[in-house]
Amino acid sequence: MKLHAECVACLAKSALERAKPERDLARRTEYMRRVCEILSAADAEYDSAPLLDARIVRLRREYLGIVEDYSRIKRDFNALLLGMFDRLRDQVWGADDPLRAALQLSMVGNYIDFNLLGDVDPDGALRLLDEAADRELDEAECAHLRADLAQGGELVLIHDNCGEVVLDKLLIETILRLYPGVRAASLVRGGPVANDATREDAEQIGLAEVAEVLDNGLADVPGTQFDQLPEPVCARLEGAAAIIAKGQGNFESLIGCGLNVYYLLLSKCPSYTDWFGFEHFGGVLANERRKNFPAGARREA
């Protein structure tokens, strides 16, 4: 099951908040009525929150003419993190366990999420980076990931947000240095979606220096809806030795796919505590096939 009551309520609340630029009450009311139609028609077994969010964004753009532009924010956060890249690389390679250190940095970078959190404080993001080494990771899952990487083959990293993508680049660089038998591909969004990483972000940060850059062909979905991906992208994911999927949008849209996906994220949804046992704002490294969620987690994929 991909959609719960809390998802519906969250999407409706976000839809109303983002319609505020429309001052005509009648049009805003009609827009919300149409949003409710989208939500009431959703298939709880198939429609993930990112997929429904895309439908609502299309409605807001077409009916209200509201188009959110995150381009400046994205450039600024990419530049902020890129300016720290050399220092963070030294931090990773000065650690006792460089892979773990790179995973921790990439994970806390998932804080940079304007779609879910609204305003993101750059100072808050930097504080999280300073505290990254204190973030716990599932040791058993780290061991599984190391074993998969040691076998070689292709690693596909599915990116999430701007800024965060710089830390993902560092993670890929670290993996390639530790595991020379691995080749890497990066999967970004197919078009501008909130502050999610696209080919433009990849070009700004030099992502092609460490990985082949692909896009998922989905122009407005803040996730990776597997059955809507272009066939060549599906084939790459199905053939990958391992996949690292960043963030909640990728987690919510990919869960249940059955591939060897390692979900790496900060748990920003309060309901994840009940559904999966994830601590609110805690770090998560969990595998799709093992679904190693904490004891007591009860949501079904």
Protein backbone atom coordinates (compact mmCIF):
# COMPACT_ATOMS: atom_id res chain seq x y z
CA MET A 1 0.00 0.00 0.00
CA LYS A 2 1.54 3.33 -1.10
CA LEU A 3 -1.03 5.89 0.05
CA HIS A 4 -2.46 6.47 3.52
CA ALA A 5 -4.85 9.02 4.98
CA GLU A 6 -1.96 11.13 6.25
CA CYS A 7 -0.55 11.37 2.70
CA VAL A 8 -3.90 12.62 1.41
CA ALA A 9 -4.17 15.23 4.16
CA CYS A 10 -0.59 16.40 3.62
CA LEU A 11 -1.07 16.77 -0.13
CA ALA A 12 -4.28 18.74 0.35
CA LYS A 13 -2.67 21.07 2.89
CA SER A 14 0.32 21.66 0.61
CA ALA A 15 -1.96 22.29 -2.38
CA LEU A 16 -3.86 24.98 -0.49
CA GLU A 17 -0.69 26.63 0.81
CA ARG A 18 0.82 26.81 -2.69
CA ALA A 19 -2.37 28.34 -4.11
CA LYS A 20 -2.02 31.47 -1.94
CA PRO A 21 -0.81 33.68 -4.83
CA GLU A 22 -4.30 33.28 -6.33
CA ARG A 23 -6.35 36.05 -4.71
CA ASP A 24 -9.65 35.16 -6.36
CA LEU A 25 -11.48 33.13 -3.71
CA ALA A 26 -13.81 31.47 -6.20
CA ARG A 27 -10.95 30.26 -8.39
CA ARG A 28 -8.99 29.05 -5.39
CA THR A 29 -12.05 27.19 -4.14
CA GLU A 30 -12.59 25.56 -7.53
CA TYR A 31 -8.92 24.62 -7.64
CA MET A 32 -9.19 22.91 -4.25
CA ARG A 33 -12.34 21.11 -5.36
CA ARG A 34 -10.37 19.73 -8.31
CA VAL A 35 -7.50 18.79 -6.00
CA CYS A 36 -9.98 16.81 -3.92
CA GLU A 37 -11.15 15.04 -7.08
CA ILE A 38 -7.56 14.00 -7.83
CA LEU A 39 -7.09 12.71 -4.30
CA SER A 40 -10.45 10.92 -4.12
CA ALA A 41 -9.73 9.15 -7.43
CA ALA A 42 -6.31 7.93 -6.29
CA ASP A 43 -5.51 4.23 -6.18
CA ALA A 44 -4.04 3.64 -2.72
CA GLU A 45 -2.20 0.53 -3.91
CA TYR A 46 -0.48 2.26 -6.85
CA ASP A 47 -0.52 6.06 -6.55
CA SER A 48 2.41 7.26 -4.48
CA ALA A 49 2.41 10.73 -2.94
CA PRO A 50 5.00 11.98 -5.49
CA LEU A 51 2.80 10.83 -8.39
CA LEU A 52 -0.25 12.63 -6.96
CA ASP A 53 1.84 15.71 -6.21
CA ALA A 54 2.76 15.87 -9.90
CA ARG A 55 -0.91 15.81 -10.90
CA ILE A 56 -1.68 18.61 -8.46
CA VAL A 57 1.25 20.70 -9.71
CA ARG A 58 -0.03 20.32 -13.28
CA LEU A 59 -3.49 21.44 -12.15
CA ARG A 60 -2.08 24.47 -10.33
CA ARG A 61 -0.01 25.44 -13.36
CA GLU A 62 -2.81 24.96 -15.90
CA TYR A 63 -5.77 26.28 -13.89
CA LEU A 64 -4.19 29.00 -11.74
CA GLY A 65 -1.11 29.76 -13.83
CA ILE A 66 1.14 29.36 -10.78
CA VAL A 67 4.60 28.11 -11.70
CA GLU A 68 7.10 27.88 -8.85
CA ASP A 69 10.66 28.80 -9.84
CA TYR A 70 13.41 27.28 -7.72
CA SER A 71 16.22 27.98 -10.18
CA ARG A 72 18.00 30.63 -8.09
CA ILE A 73 17.67 28.61 -4.88
CA LYS A 74 19.08 25.58 -6.65
CA ARG A 75 22.08 27.45 -8.04
CA ASP A 76 22.78 28.99 -4.63
CA PHE A 77 22.63 25.72 -2.68
CA ASN A 78 24.70 23.90 -5.30
CA ALA A 79 27.31 26.65 -5.11
CA LEU A 80 27.26 26.63 -1.30
CA LEU A 81 27.97 22.90 -1.08
CA LEU A 82 30.35 22.89 -4.04
CA GLY A 83 32.45 25.50 -2.26
CA MET A 84 32.85 23.05 0.62
CA PHE A 85 33.65 20.04 -1.56
CA ASP A 86 37.41 19.88 -0.99
CA ARG A 87 37.04 20.28 2.78
CA LEU A 88 34.35 17.60 2.91
CA ARG A 89 36.48 15.26 0.77
CA ASP A 90 39.34 15.70 3.25
CA GLN A 91 36.90 15.00 6.07
CA VAL A 92 35.77 11.76 4.42
CA TRP A 93 39.28 10.49 3.69
CA GLY A 94 40.49 11.48 7.13
CA ALA A 95 37.82 9.29 8.72
CA ASP A 96 38.47 5.77 9.96
CA ASP A 97 35.75 4.53 7.59
CA PRO A 98 35.53 6.72 4.46
CA LEU A 99 32.48 4.94 3.02
CA ARG A 100 30.53 5.38 6.22
CA ALA A 101 31.54 9.04 6.43
CA ALA A 102 30.45 9.67 2.83
CA LEU A 103 27.12 7.91 3.43
CA GLN A 104 26.50 10.03 6.51
CA LEU A 105 27.17 13.29 4.65
CA SER A 106 25.00 12.27 1.71
CA MET A 107 22.22 11.27 4.10
CA VAL A 108 22.15 14.54 6.08
CA GLY A 109 22.21 16.46 2.79
CA ASN A 110 18.66 15.19 2.29
CA TYR A 111 17.62 18.01 4.64
CA ILE A 112 17.69 20.40 1.65
CA ASP A 113 14.07 19.83 0.64
CA PHE A 114 11.93 22.86 -0.20
CA ASN A 115 9.05 20.72 -1.45
CA LEU A 116 8.46 19.13 1.95
CA LEU A 117 10.01 21.55 4.42
CA GLY A 118 9.29 24.89 2.74
CA ASP A 119 12.06 27.32 3.67
CA VAL A 120 15.38 25.59 4.30
CA ASP A 121 17.89 27.37 6.50
CA PRO A 122 21.40 27.24 4.98
CA ASP A 123 22.90 27.51 8.46
CA GLY A 124 20.77 24.56 9.56
CA ALA A 125 22.07 22.52 6.64
CA LEU A 126 25.65 23.37 7.53
CA ARG A 127 25.09 22.43 11.17
CA LEU A 128 23.82 19.03 10.07
CA LEU A 129 26.95 18.51 7.99
CA ASP A 130 29.07 19.28 11.04
CA GLU A 131 27.09 16.66 12.98
CA ALA A 132 27.03 14.06 10.21
CA ALA A 133 29.60 11.81 11.85
CA ASP A 134 27.27 11.38 14.83
CA ARG A 135 24.43 10.00 12.69
CA GLU A 136 23.80 6.30 13.15
CA LEU A 137 23.63 3.94 10.18
CA ASP A 138 22.36 0.38 10.15
CA GLU A 139 25.59 -1.60 10.50
CA ALA A 140 24.18 -4.77 8.96
CA GLU A 141 22.96 -2.84 5.93
CA CYS A 142 26.31 -1.09 5.58
CA ALA A 143 27.92 -4.53 5.48
CA HIS A 144 25.49 -5.67 2.77
CA LEU A 145 26.25 -2.58 0.72
CA ARG A 146 30.00 -3.12 1.05
CA ALA A 147 29.59 -6.71 -0.12
CA ASP A 148 27.56 -5.64 -3.15
CA LEU A 149 30.10 -2.98 -4.09
CA ALA A 150 32.97 -5.44 -3.70
CA GLN A 151 31.37 -7.59 -6.42
CA GLY A 152 31.74 -4.73 -8.92
CA GLY A 153 29.26 -3.92 -11.66
CA GLU A 154 27.11 -0.84 -12.05
CA LEU A 155 25.94 1.34 -9.21
CA VAL A 156 23.05 3.66 -10.00
CA LEU A 157 22.56 6.57 -7.61
CA ILE A 158 19.11 8.14 -7.87
CA HIS A 159 19.41 11.75 -6.76
CA ASP A 160 16.90 13.90 -4.91
CA ASN A 161 17.58 17.56 -4.14
CA CYS A 162 19.86 20.42 -5.13
CA GLY A 163 22.86 20.94 -2.86
CA GLU A 164 22.43 17.39 -1.64
CA VAL A 165 23.55 16.26 -5.11
CA VAL A 166 27.04 17.65 -4.35
CA LEU A 167 27.27 15.30 -1.38
CA ASP A 168 26.03 12.46 -3.57
CA LYS A 169 28.89 13.25 -5.96
CA LEU A 170 31.31 12.90 -3.06
CA LEU A 171 29.71 9.57 -2.15
CA ILE A 172 30.10 8.27 -5.71
CA GLU A 173 33.71 9.49 -5.86
CA THR A 174 34.44 7.71 -2.58
CA ILE A 175 32.85 4.45 -3.75
CA LEU A 176 34.81 4.48 -7.02
CA ARG A 177 38.04 5.06 -5.14
CA LEU A 178 37.36 2.25 -2.67
CA TYR A 179 35.87 -0.19 -5.19
CA PRO A 180 37.62 0.16 -8.57
CA GLY A 181 35.45 -2.60 -10.06
CA VAL A 182 32.36 -0.36 -9.77
CA ARG A 183 31.15 1.91 -12.55
CA ALA A 184 28.60 4.58 -11.70
CA ALA A 185 25.52 6.14 -13.24
CA SER A 186 23.54 9.06 -11.81
CA LEU A 187 19.79 9.37 -12.35
CA VAL A 188 18.29 12.87 -12.08
CA ARG A 189 14.79 14.21 -12.76
CA GLY A 190 13.62 14.65 -16.34
CA GLY A 191 12.62 18.29 -15.81
CA PRO A 192 12.25 21.02 -13.17
CA VAL A 193 10.46 19.59 -10.12
CA ALA A 194 10.60 21.83 -7.03
CA ASN A 195 14.26 21.91 -5.98
CA ASP A 196 15.05 18.40 -7.23
CA ALA A 197 18.27 17.74 -9.12
CA THR A 198 18.12 17.84 -12.93
CA ARG A 199 20.68 17.74 -15.73
CA GLU A 200 21.30 21.46 -15.19
CA ASP A 201 22.28 20.82 -11.58
CA ALA A 202 24.45 17.91 -12.67
CA GLU A 203 26.26 20.18 -15.11
CA GLN A 204 26.73 22.94 -12.52
CA ILE A 205 28.43 20.60 -10.03
CA GLY A 206 30.39 18.51 -12.53
CA LEU A 207 28.58 15.27 -11.77
CA ALA A 208 29.74 13.77 -15.09
CA GLU A 209 33.27 13.75 -13.64
CA VAL A 210 32.32 10.71 -11.56
CA ALA A 211 29.26 9.13 -13.22
CA GLU A 212 27.29 8.81 -16.42
CA VAL A 213 24.38 11.23 -16.03
CA LEU A 214 20.92 9.97 -17.03
CA ASP A 215 17.51 11.56 -16.54
CA ASN A 216 14.36 9.66 -15.66
CA GLY A 217 12.20 11.19 -18.38
CA LEU A 218 9.61 12.35 -15.82
CA ALA A 219 9.25 16.11 -16.11
CA ASP A 220 7.23 16.85 -12.98
CA VAL A 221 7.24 13.86 -10.61
CA PRO A 222 9.30 14.39 -7.43
CA GLY A 223 10.21 10.72 -7.33
CA THR A 224 10.99 7.67 -9.47
CA GLN A 225 7.76 5.96 -10.52
CA PHE A 226 9.30 2.79 -11.93
CA ASP A 227 6.59 1.78 -14.38
CA GLN A 228 6.58 5.26 -15.94
CA LEU A 229 10.31 5.37 -16.65
CA PRO A 230 11.64 5.08 -20.21
CA GLU A 231 12.54 1.50 -21.10
CA PRO A 232 16.32 2.15 -21.30
CA VAL A 233 16.27 3.63 -17.78
CA CYS A 234 14.27 0.67 -16.45
CA ALA A 235 16.80 -1.67 -18.03
CA ARG A 236 19.70 0.13 -16.34
CA LEU A 237 18.00 -0.12 -12.95
CA GLU A 238 17.11 -3.77 -13.43
CA GLY A 239 20.68 -4.56 -14.48
CA ALA A 240 22.37 -2.61 -11.68
CA ALA A 241 24.35 -4.50 -9.08
CA ALA A 242 23.16 -1.95 -6.53
CA ILE A 243 21.02 1.17 -6.46
CA ILE A 244 21.20 3.97 -3.89
CA ALA A 245 17.97 6.00 -3.88
CA LYS A 246 18.06 9.31 -2.03
CA GLY A 247 15.16 10.93 -0.20
CA GLN A 248 11.51 10.33 0.61
CA GLY A 249 10.16 10.92 -2.89
CA ASN A 250 12.28 8.12 -4.31
CA PHE A 251 11.50 5.92 -1.31
CA GLU A 252 7.74 6.43 -1.60
CA SER A 253 7.65 5.84 -5.36
CA LEU A 254 10.11 2.91 -5.54
CA ILE A 255 9.12 0.90 -2.48
CA GLY A 256 7.79 -2.45 -3.60
CA CYS A 257 9.83 -2.49 -6.84
CA GLY A 258 11.84 -5.53 -5.71
CA LEU A 259 15.21 -4.25 -6.98
CA ASN A 260 18.39 -4.10 -4.93
CA VAL A 261 17.70 -0.55 -3.74
CA TYR A 262 19.39 0.98 -0.72
CA TYR A 263 17.20 3.85 0.50
CA LEU A 264 19.26 6.65 2.03
CA LEU A 265 17.34 9.56 3.56
CA LEU A 266 16.34 11.66 6.51
CA SER A 267 12.90 10.67 7.75
CA LYS A 268 11.12 14.03 7.48
CA CYS A 269 7.54 12.73 7.59
CA PRO A 270 6.25 12.38 11.19
CA SER A 271 4.00 9.49 10.14
CA TYR A 272 7.05 7.42 9.15
CA THR A 273 7.50 6.71 12.85
CA ASP A 274 4.21 4.77 12.90
CA TRP A 275 4.43 3.32 9.40
CA PHE A 276 8.05 2.17 9.30
CA GLY A 277 9.46 2.72 12.77
CA PHE A 278 11.80 5.44 11.48
CA GLU A 279 12.69 8.14 14.00
CA HIS A 280 11.42 11.57 12.93
CA PHE A 281 14.35 13.34 11.28
CA GLY A 282 16.46 10.27 11.91
CA GLY A 283 18.78 8.87 9.27
CA VAL A 284 17.72 5.82 7.29
CA LEU A 285 19.71 3.22 5.37
CA ALA A 286 17.31 0.44 4.44
CA ASN A 287 17.22 -2.13 1.64
CA GLU A 288 14.20 -2.78 -0.57
CA ARG A 289 14.66 -6.56 -0.67
CA ARG A 290 15.29 -7.02 3.03
CA LYS A 291 12.99 -4.17 4.12
CA ASN A 292 15.01 -3.98 7.30
CA PHE A 293 12.72 -1.47 8.97
CA PRO A 294 12.80 -1.27 12.76
CA ALA A 295 10.74 -3.72 14.79
CA GLY A 296 7.11 -2.71 15.03
CA ALA A 297 7.00 -1.02 11.62
CA ARG A 298 3.64 -1.88 10.13
CA ARG A 299 3.08 -0.12 6.83
CA GLU A 300 2.90 -2.41 3.81
CA ALA A 301 4.74 -1.57 0.59
